[in-house]
Amino acid sequence: MARSRLSETVVKNEFGKQLVEWMELECHSWGQKVLIAQDDAEGFIIRIYTSEYMYTIHASKSSRRDWSGYLGGYVTERSALPGKLLARGSDFPDGDFSRETLIRILCAIVFCEAKEVVKKVESADDDEKC
């Protein structure tokens, strides 16, 4: 399958159709910002790119009988850190194919992008209030 933007594609995979439905409920105007990397009988994979990271969400059948399917995700740095040959990656939450698992993955993406809030530093001007 040729890779394409979600907004330009009719999803075929059953897990993919459900995942798109959930994403439409949780995310606003996201179709042009998502690349479909796989959409076939084996599974459904989407990718979201930022300046520093590539986020991957994967949905497929599961070998576990108590799961309706598998949903997982991971993040990969788009370029290697100085002195490193390979870009690093990390797994995100995974589990049963459910909206709850998707929300956990989306939260992991948000907090991967979030920057640390600095502690308040009191300045000399704070002491001179009238």
N, C-alpha and C. Protein backbone atom coordinates (compact mmCIF):
# COMPACT_ATOMS: atom_id res chain seq x y z
N MET A 1 0.83 -1.18 0.00
CA MET A 1 0.00 0.00 0.00
C MET A 1 0.88 1.25 0.00
N ALA A 2 0.53 2.18 -0.83
CA ALA A 2 1.24 3.46 -0.82
C ALA A 2 0.86 4.22 0.43
N ARG A 3 1.82 4.86 1.03
CA ARG A 3 1.54 5.66 2.21
C ARG A 3 0.78 6.91 1.80
N SER A 4 -0.19 7.29 2.63
CA SER A 4 -0.98 8.46 2.29
C SER A 4 -1.53 9.12 3.54
N ARG A 5 -1.95 10.38 3.38
CA ARG A 5 -2.57 11.08 4.49
C ARG A 5 -3.93 10.47 4.75
N LEU A 6 -4.31 10.40 6.00
CA LEU A 6 -5.58 9.81 6.38
C LEU A 6 -6.75 10.52 5.70
N SER A 7 -6.66 11.85 5.57
CA SER A 7 -7.76 12.62 4.99
C SER A 7 -7.99 12.28 3.52
N GLU A 8 -7.06 11.59 2.88
CA GLU A 8 -7.15 11.27 1.45
C GLU A 8 -7.39 9.78 1.21
N THR A 9 -7.76 9.04 2.24
CA THR A 9 -7.81 7.59 2.13
C THR A 9 -9.12 7.04 2.71
N VAL A 10 -9.61 5.95 2.11
CA VAL A 10 -10.71 5.20 2.69
C VAL A 10 -10.08 4.01 3.40
N VAL A 11 -10.24 3.93 4.70
CA VAL A 11 -9.62 2.87 5.51
C VAL A 11 -10.33 1.54 5.25
N LYS A 12 -9.54 0.47 5.07
CA LYS A 12 -10.07 -0.86 4.78
C LYS A 12 -10.08 -1.77 6.01
N ASN A 13 -9.03 -1.71 6.81
CA ASN A 13 -8.87 -2.60 7.96
C ASN A 13 -9.94 -2.30 9.01
N GLU A 14 -10.56 -3.34 9.56
CA GLU A 14 -11.64 -3.15 10.54
C GLU A 14 -11.15 -2.45 11.81
N PHE A 15 -9.95 -2.81 12.28
CA PHE A 15 -9.39 -2.12 13.44
C PHE A 15 -9.13 -0.65 13.10
N GLY A 16 -8.65 -0.42 11.89
CA GLY A 16 -8.39 0.94 11.44
C GLY A 16 -9.64 1.79 11.40
N LYS A 17 -10.74 1.21 10.91
CA LYS A 17 -12.01 1.95 10.87
C LYS A 17 -12.44 2.37 12.27
N GLN A 18 -12.35 1.46 13.23
CA GLN A 18 -12.74 1.79 14.60
C GLN A 18 -11.79 2.81 15.22
N LEU A 19 -10.50 2.66 14.96
CA LEU A 19 -9.51 3.59 15.48
C LEU A 19 -9.77 5.01 14.95
N VAL A 20 -10.07 5.11 13.66
CA VAL A 20 -10.38 6.41 13.07
C VAL A 20 -11.62 7.01 13.72
N GLU A 21 -12.63 6.19 13.96
CA GLU A 21 -13.85 6.69 14.61
C GLU A 21 -13.53 7.25 16.00
N TRP A 22 -12.73 6.53 16.78
CA TRP A 22 -12.35 7.02 18.12
C TRP A 22 -11.52 8.30 18.02
N MET A 23 -10.59 8.34 17.08
CA MET A 23 -9.74 9.53 16.92
C MET A 23 -10.58 10.75 16.55
N GLU A 24 -11.59 10.55 15.72
CA GLU A 24 -12.46 11.67 15.36
C GLU A 24 -13.20 12.20 16.57
N LEU A 25 -13.51 11.35 17.53
CA LEU A 25 -14.17 11.80 18.76
C LEU A 25 -13.22 12.53 19.69
N GLU A 26 -11.95 12.14 19.69
CA GLU A 26 -10.97 12.68 20.65
C GLU A 26 -10.14 13.84 20.09
N CYS A 27 -9.97 13.94 18.79
CA CYS A 27 -9.03 14.89 18.20
C CYS A 27 -9.73 15.76 17.17
N HIS A 28 -9.36 17.02 17.12
CA HIS A 28 -9.94 17.97 16.17
C HIS A 28 -9.01 18.17 14.97
N SER A 29 -9.56 18.13 13.79
CA SER A 29 -8.86 18.36 12.51
C SER A 29 -7.50 17.66 12.44
N TRP A 30 -7.52 16.38 12.56
CA TRP A 30 -6.28 15.61 12.61
C TRP A 30 -6.00 14.82 11.33
N GLY A 31 -6.96 14.67 10.45
CA GLY A 31 -6.81 13.81 9.28
C GLY A 31 -5.67 14.16 8.36
N GLN A 32 -5.36 15.46 8.20
CA GLN A 32 -4.25 15.85 7.32
C GLN A 32 -2.91 15.75 8.02
N LYS A 33 -2.92 15.45 9.30
CA LYS A 33 -1.68 15.40 10.08
C LYS A 33 -1.25 13.97 10.41
N VAL A 34 -1.94 13.01 9.82
CA VAL A 34 -1.68 11.60 10.11
C VAL A 34 -1.36 10.86 8.82
N LEU A 35 -0.30 10.09 8.86
CA LEU A 35 0.11 9.26 7.72
C LEU A 35 -0.31 7.82 7.98
N ILE A 36 -0.96 7.20 7.02
CA ILE A 36 -1.27 5.77 7.13
C ILE A 36 -0.07 5.01 6.58
N ALA A 37 0.59 4.24 7.44
CA ALA A 37 1.76 3.47 7.03
C ALA A 37 1.39 2.04 6.64
N GLN A 38 0.27 1.54 7.18
CA GLN A 38 -0.18 0.18 6.83
C GLN A 38 -1.69 0.12 7.00
N ASP A 39 -2.37 -0.48 6.05
CA ASP A 39 -3.81 -0.68 6.10
C ASP A 39 -4.13 -1.92 5.30
N ASP A 40 -4.02 -3.09 5.95
CA ASP A 40 -4.28 -4.35 5.28
C ASP A 40 -4.78 -5.37 6.28
N ALA A 41 -4.86 -6.62 5.86
CA ALA A 41 -5.39 -7.67 6.73
C ALA A 41 -4.52 -7.91 7.95
N GLU A 42 -3.23 -7.60 7.86
CA GLU A 42 -2.31 -7.81 8.98
C GLU A 42 -2.47 -6.77 10.09
N GLY A 43 -2.86 -5.55 9.74
CA GLY A 43 -3.00 -4.53 10.76
C GLY A 43 -3.14 -3.14 10.18
N PHE A 44 -3.20 -2.17 11.08
CA PHE A 44 -3.38 -0.77 10.72
C PHE A 44 -2.36 0.04 11.51
N ILE A 45 -1.54 0.81 10.80
CA ILE A 45 -0.50 1.61 11.45
C ILE A 45 -0.63 3.05 10.97
N ILE A 46 -0.68 3.99 11.94
CA ILE A 46 -0.64 5.40 11.60
C ILE A 46 0.60 6.03 12.22
N ARG A 47 1.06 7.11 11.58
CA ARG A 47 2.22 7.83 12.09
C ARG A 47 1.89 9.32 12.17
N ILE A 48 2.37 9.93 13.24
CA ILE A 48 2.21 11.36 13.46
C ILE A 48 3.62 11.93 13.64
N TYR A 49 3.94 12.98 12.89
CA TYR A 49 5.29 13.56 12.92
C TYR A 49 5.28 14.93 13.58
N THR A 50 6.29 15.20 14.40
CA THR A 50 6.57 16.53 14.89
C THR A 50 8.01 16.85 14.49
N SER A 51 8.50 18.01 14.85
CA SER A 51 9.85 18.37 14.43
C SER A 51 10.91 17.43 15.02
N GLU A 52 10.65 16.87 16.20
CA GLU A 52 11.64 16.01 16.85
C GLU A 52 11.31 14.52 16.83
N TYR A 53 10.03 14.16 16.75
CA TYR A 53 9.64 12.76 16.94
C TYR A 53 8.71 12.24 15.85
N MET A 54 8.70 10.90 15.75
CA MET A 54 7.71 10.20 14.95
C MET A 54 6.95 9.29 15.92
N TYR A 55 5.64 9.48 15.98
CA TYR A 55 4.78 8.67 16.85
C TYR A 55 4.07 7.64 15.99
N THR A 56 4.05 6.40 16.46
CA THR A 56 3.41 5.31 15.72
C THR A 56 2.34 4.67 16.60
N ILE A 57 1.15 4.47 16.02
CA ILE A 57 0.06 3.75 16.70
C ILE A 57 -0.28 2.57 15.82
N HIS A 58 -0.32 1.38 16.44
CA HIS A 58 -0.49 0.12 15.70
C HIS A 58 -1.70 -0.64 16.25
N ALA A 59 -2.59 -1.05 15.37
CA ALA A 59 -3.76 -1.85 15.75
C ALA A 59 -3.76 -3.13 14.93
N SER A 60 -4.02 -4.26 15.60
CA SER A 60 -4.02 -5.54 14.89
C SER A 60 -4.77 -6.59 15.70
N LYS A 61 -4.87 -7.78 15.12
CA LYS A 61 -5.43 -8.92 15.85
C LYS A 61 -4.49 -9.25 17.00
N SER A 62 -5.03 -9.88 18.02
CA SER A 62 -4.22 -10.26 19.18
C SER A 62 -4.21 -11.77 19.34
N SER A 63 -3.10 -12.30 19.84
CA SER A 63 -3.03 -13.73 20.12
C SER A 63 -3.70 -14.07 21.47
N ARG A 64 -3.97 -13.03 22.27
CA ARG A 64 -4.64 -13.25 23.55
C ARG A 64 -6.14 -13.42 23.33
N ARG A 65 -6.69 -14.47 23.90
CA ARG A 65 -8.12 -14.75 23.71
C ARG A 65 -9.02 -13.77 24.44
N ASP A 66 -8.51 -13.16 25.51
CA ASP A 66 -9.34 -12.25 26.29
C ASP A 66 -9.31 -10.81 25.77
N TRP A 67 -8.59 -10.56 24.68
CA TRP A 67 -8.54 -9.24 24.07
C TRP A 67 -9.30 -9.25 22.75
N SER A 68 -9.95 -8.14 22.44
CA SER A 68 -10.65 -8.04 21.16
C SER A 68 -9.67 -7.76 20.02
N GLY A 69 -8.49 -7.29 20.36
CA GLY A 69 -7.43 -6.97 19.42
C GLY A 69 -6.29 -6.34 20.19
N TYR A 70 -5.28 -5.89 19.49
CA TYR A 70 -4.12 -5.26 20.13
C TYR A 70 -4.02 -3.81 19.68
N LEU A 71 -3.68 -2.92 20.62
CA LEU A 71 -3.43 -1.52 20.30
C LEU A 71 -2.20 -1.07 21.08
N GLY A 72 -1.25 -0.53 20.37
CA GLY A 72 -0.02 -0.09 21.02
C GLY A 72 0.60 1.08 20.27
N GLY A 73 1.64 1.63 20.85
CA GLY A 73 2.29 2.75 20.22
C GLY A 73 3.72 2.91 20.70
N TYR A 74 4.47 3.71 19.98
CA TYR A 74 5.84 4.02 20.39
C TYR A 74 6.27 5.33 19.74
N VAL A 75 7.33 5.87 20.28
CA VAL A 75 7.90 7.12 19.78
C VAL A 75 9.34 6.86 19.37
N THR A 76 9.75 7.49 18.27
CA THR A 76 11.13 7.40 17.79
C THR A 76 11.62 8.81 17.52
N GLU A 77 12.86 9.10 17.94
CA GLU A 77 13.45 10.39 17.59
C GLU A 77 13.68 10.42 16.08
N ARG A 78 13.43 11.56 15.47
CA ARG A 78 13.58 11.67 14.02
C ARG A 78 15.02 11.77 13.59
N SER A 79 15.91 12.14 14.50
CA SER A 79 17.34 12.16 14.18
C SER A 79 18.11 11.68 15.39
N ALA A 80 19.28 11.17 15.13
CA ALA A 80 20.11 10.66 16.23
C ALA A 80 20.67 11.82 17.05
N LEU A 81 20.86 11.57 18.33
CA LEU A 81 21.49 12.57 19.19
C LEU A 81 22.96 12.70 18.81
N PRO A 82 23.59 13.84 19.08
CA PRO A 82 25.01 14.00 18.76
C PRO A 82 25.84 12.86 19.37
N GLY A 83 26.68 12.26 18.57
CA GLY A 83 27.52 11.17 19.03
C GLY A 83 26.88 9.79 18.94
N LYS A 84 25.60 9.73 18.57
CA LYS A 84 24.89 8.46 18.46
C LYS A 84 24.68 8.11 16.99
N LEU A 85 24.70 6.83 16.67
CA LEU A 85 24.48 6.39 15.30
C LEU A 85 23.00 6.17 14.99
N LEU A 86 22.25 5.82 16.01
CA LEU A 86 20.84 5.51 15.80
C LEU A 86 19.95 6.44 16.62
N ALA A 87 18.76 6.69 16.09
CA ALA A 87 17.77 7.45 16.85
C ALA A 87 17.18 6.54 17.92
N ARG A 88 16.86 7.12 19.05
CA ARG A 88 16.30 6.35 20.17
C ARG A 88 14.78 6.30 20.07
N GLY A 89 14.21 5.31 20.73
CA GLY A 89 12.76 5.17 20.76
C GLY A 89 12.29 4.65 22.10
N SER A 90 11.01 4.78 22.34
CA SER A 90 10.41 4.29 23.59
C SER A 90 9.02 3.75 23.31
N ASP A 91 8.67 2.70 24.03
CA ASP A 91 7.32 2.15 23.92
C ASP A 91 6.34 3.01 24.69
N PHE A 92 5.11 3.05 24.21
CA PHE A 92 4.01 3.71 24.89
C PHE A 92 3.10 2.64 25.48
N PRO A 93 2.09 3.05 26.23
CA PRO A 93 1.15 2.06 26.76
C PRO A 93 0.57 1.21 25.63
N ASP A 94 0.26 -0.03 25.94
CA ASP A 94 -0.40 -0.89 24.97
C ASP A 94 -1.38 -1.78 25.71
N GLY A 95 -2.16 -2.54 24.95
CA GLY A 95 -3.11 -3.44 25.58
C GLY A 95 -4.21 -3.83 24.63
N ASP A 96 -5.34 -4.15 25.23
CA ASP A 96 -6.53 -4.53 24.47
C ASP A 96 -6.92 -3.41 23.52
N PHE A 97 -7.45 -3.76 22.38
CA PHE A 97 -7.92 -2.77 21.42
C PHE A 97 -9.17 -2.11 21.99
N SER A 98 -8.97 -0.94 22.60
CA SER A 98 -10.08 -0.23 23.25
C SER A 98 -9.83 1.27 23.19
N ARG A 99 -10.90 2.01 23.38
CA ARG A 99 -10.79 3.48 23.42
C ARG A 99 -9.94 3.92 24.60
N GLU A 100 -10.02 3.20 25.72
CA GLU A 100 -9.21 3.52 26.90
C GLU A 100 -7.72 3.41 26.60
N THR A 101 -7.32 2.35 25.88
CA THR A 101 -5.91 2.20 25.51
C THR A 101 -5.49 3.33 24.59
N LEU A 102 -6.36 3.71 23.64
CA LEU A 102 -6.04 4.82 22.74
C LEU A 102 -5.83 6.11 23.53
N ILE A 103 -6.68 6.38 24.50
CA ILE A 103 -6.53 7.61 25.30
C ILE A 103 -5.21 7.59 26.06
N ARG A 104 -4.82 6.43 26.60
CA ARG A 104 -3.53 6.33 27.29
C ARG A 104 -2.37 6.62 26.32
N ILE A 105 -2.47 6.14 25.08
CA ILE A 105 -1.43 6.40 24.08
C ILE A 105 -1.40 7.88 23.72
N LEU A 106 -2.57 8.49 23.50
CA LEU A 106 -2.63 9.92 23.17
C LEU A 106 -2.07 10.77 24.30
N CYS A 107 -2.36 10.40 25.55
CA CYS A 107 -1.79 11.13 26.69
C CYS A 107 -0.26 11.00 26.70
N ALA A 108 0.25 9.83 26.38
CA ALA A 108 1.71 9.64 26.33
C ALA A 108 2.33 10.55 25.26
N ILE A 109 1.64 10.70 24.12
CA ILE A 109 2.14 11.58 23.06
C ILE A 109 2.16 13.02 23.55
N VAL A 110 1.08 13.46 24.19
CA VAL A 110 1.01 14.84 24.69
C VAL A 110 2.15 15.11 25.66
N PHE A 111 2.38 14.20 26.61
CA PHE A 111 3.40 14.45 27.61
C PHE A 111 4.82 14.20 27.10
N CYS A 112 4.95 13.51 25.99
CA CYS A 112 6.27 13.41 25.36
C CYS A 112 6.64 14.76 24.74
N GLU A 113 5.65 15.46 24.21
CA GLU A 113 5.87 16.77 23.59
C GLU A 113 5.95 17.89 24.63
N ALA A 114 5.31 17.72 25.77
CA ALA A 114 5.26 18.78 26.77
C ALA A 114 6.66 19.08 27.32
N LYS A 115 6.89 20.34 27.60
CA LYS A 115 8.16 20.77 28.16
C LYS A 115 8.01 20.95 29.67
N GLU A 116 9.08 20.73 30.38
CA GLU A 116 9.06 20.85 31.83
C GLU A 116 8.83 22.30 32.24
N VAL A 117 7.97 22.50 33.22
CA VAL A 117 7.69 23.84 33.74
C VAL A 117 8.80 24.19 34.72
N VAL A 118 9.38 25.36 34.55
CA VAL A 118 10.47 25.76 35.43
C VAL A 118 9.91 26.27 36.76
N LYS A 119 10.72 26.16 37.78
CA LYS A 119 10.32 26.67 39.09
C LYS A 119 10.32 28.19 39.05
N LYS A 120 9.44 28.77 39.84
CA LYS A 120 9.37 30.22 39.91
C LYS A 120 10.64 30.74 40.59
N VAL A 121 11.22 31.74 39.98
CA VAL A 121 12.40 32.37 40.53
C VAL A 121 11.99 33.76 41.00
N GLU A 122 12.18 34.02 42.30
CA GLU A 122 11.82 35.33 42.81
C GLU A 122 12.88 36.32 42.41
N SER A 123 12.42 37.46 41.94
CA SER A 123 13.37 38.50 41.55
C SER A 123 13.38 39.61 42.60
N ALA A 124 14.36 40.48 42.49
CA ALA A 124 14.48 41.60 43.43
C ALA A 124 13.27 42.52 43.30
N ASP A 125 12.65 42.56 42.12
CA ASP A 125 11.48 43.43 41.90
C ASP A 125 10.28 43.00 42.75
N ASP A 126 10.19 41.68 43.09
CA ASP A 126 9.08 41.20 43.90
C ASP A 126 9.07 41.83 45.29
N ASP A 127 10.23 42.17 45.82
CA ASP A 127 10.32 42.74 47.16
C ASP A 127 9.95 44.22 47.19
N GLU A 128 9.93 44.87 46.05
CA GLU A 128 9.72 46.30 46.01
C GLU A 128 8.30 46.68 45.58
N LYS A 129 7.32 45.85 45.87
CA LYS A 129 5.94 46.15 45.50
C LYS A 129 5.39 47.25 46.40
N CYS A 130 4.59 48.14 45.86
CA CYS A 130 4.00 49.24 46.63
C CYS A 130 2.65 48.86 47.17
